[in-house]
Protein backbone atom coordinates (compact mmCIF):
# COMPACT_ATOMS: atom_id res chain seq x y z
CA UNK A 1 -28.07 -178.53 -9.12
CA UNK A 2 -30.31 -181.58 -9.37
CA UNK A 3 -30.81 -181.64 -5.61
CA UNK A 4 -31.87 -178.00 -5.63
CA UNK A 5 -34.28 -178.68 -8.47
CA UNK A 6 -35.76 -181.73 -6.73
CA UNK A 7 -36.05 -179.77 -3.45
CA UNK A 8 -37.97 -177.03 -5.22
CA UNK A 9 -40.35 -179.55 -6.78
CA UNK A 10 -40.77 -181.41 -3.50
CA UNK A 11 -44.37 -180.97 -2.30
CA UNK A 12 -43.38 -181.02 1.36
CA UNK A 13 -40.85 -178.24 0.78
CA UNK A 14 -43.46 -176.04 -0.92
CA UNK A 15 -45.99 -176.77 1.82
CA UNK A 16 -43.43 -175.78 4.47
CA UNK A 17 -42.64 -172.54 2.62
CA UNK A 18 -46.33 -171.69 2.26
CA UNK A 19 -47.00 -172.49 5.93
CA UNK A 20 -44.12 -170.23 6.93
CA UNK A 21 -45.49 -167.46 4.72
CA UNK A 22 -48.94 -167.93 6.28
CA UNK A 23 -47.45 -167.57 9.78
CA UNK A 24 -45.64 -164.41 8.70
CA UNK A 25 -48.85 -162.91 7.26
CA UNK A 26 -50.75 -163.84 10.42
CA UNK A 27 -48.13 -162.02 12.48
CA UNK A 28 -48.41 -158.94 10.26
CA UNK A 29 -52.21 -159.08 10.64
CA UNK A 30 -51.91 -159.22 14.43
CA UNK A 31 -49.53 -156.25 14.45
CA UNK A 32 -51.88 -154.20 12.26
CA UNK A 33 -54.85 -155.11 14.46
CA UNK A 34 -52.93 -154.20 17.62
CA UNK A 35 -52.13 -150.77 16.15
CA UNK A 36 -55.81 -150.05 15.50
CA UNK A 37 -56.07 -151.06 11.89
CA UNK A 38 -55.04 -149.00 8.89
CA UNK A 39 -55.46 -145.65 10.68
CA UNK A 40 -53.06 -146.73 13.41
CA UNK A 41 -50.52 -148.04 10.93
CA UNK A 42 -50.76 -144.85 8.88
CA UNK A 43 -50.24 -142.71 11.99
CA UNK A 44 -47.25 -144.83 13.05
CA UNK A 45 -45.64 -144.75 9.62
CA UNK A 46 -46.25 -140.99 9.37
CA UNK A 47 -44.62 -140.39 12.74
CA UNK A 48 -41.64 -142.54 11.77
CA UNK A 49 -41.21 -140.76 8.44
CA UNK A 50 -41.45 -137.37 10.14
CA UNK A 51 -38.80 -138.40 12.67
CA UNK A 52 -36.46 -139.67 9.97
CA UNK A 53 -36.93 -136.79 7.53
CA UNK A 54 -37.73 -133.90 9.88
CA UNK A 55 -34.53 -132.05 9.03
CA UNK A 56 -35.36 -132.15 5.33
CA UNK A 57 -39.03 -131.12 5.59
CA UNK A 58 -38.43 -127.40 6.09
CA UNK A 59 -35.86 -127.11 3.30
CA UNK A 60 -38.12 -129.05 0.94
CA UNK A 61 -41.06 -126.75 1.73
CA UNK A 62 -38.85 -123.70 1.18
CA UNK A 63 -37.69 -125.07 -2.17
CA UNK A 64 -41.27 -125.77 -3.19
CA UNK A 65 -42.39 -122.26 -2.22
CA UNK A 66 -39.45 -120.75 -4.13
CA UNK A 67 -40.29 -122.81 -7.23
CA UNK A 68 -43.93 -121.75 -7.08
CA UNK A 69 -42.95 -118.10 -6.73
CA UNK A 70 -40.63 -118.34 -9.71
CA UNK A 71 -43.56 -119.40 -11.89
CA UNK A 72 -45.12 -115.94 -11.83
CA UNK A 73 -43.76 -112.50 -12.66
CA UNK A 74 -44.93 -111.05 -9.34
CA UNK A 75 -43.27 -113.92 -7.49
CA UNK A 76 -39.97 -113.34 -9.29
CA UNK A 77 -40.19 -109.65 -8.47
CA UNK A 78 -40.83 -110.44 -4.79
CA UNK A 79 -37.79 -112.74 -4.69
CA UNK A 80 -35.60 -110.09 -6.36
CA UNK A 81 -36.75 -107.50 -3.80
CA UNK A 82 -35.99 -109.88 -0.93
CA UNK A 83 -32.49 -110.58 -2.25
CA UNK A 84 -31.70 -106.89 -2.75
């Protein structure tokens, strides 16, 4: 336990950790720049999310539309007519 504590308080250890973190952040910055900045990252993340959740998107939209219809009397009547 003492060795762990002394390692954590060791200046060289903290400097090495911070230098490693700086290299990691520099790599992330290069990746973001290579993708065209925030717009490129947003487009990439959106495409990835759509690929992962594409099967759930339509059912979620249907559920949302159903919930919105159930909020009004005319919507409830429309749903009852469709089910009949």
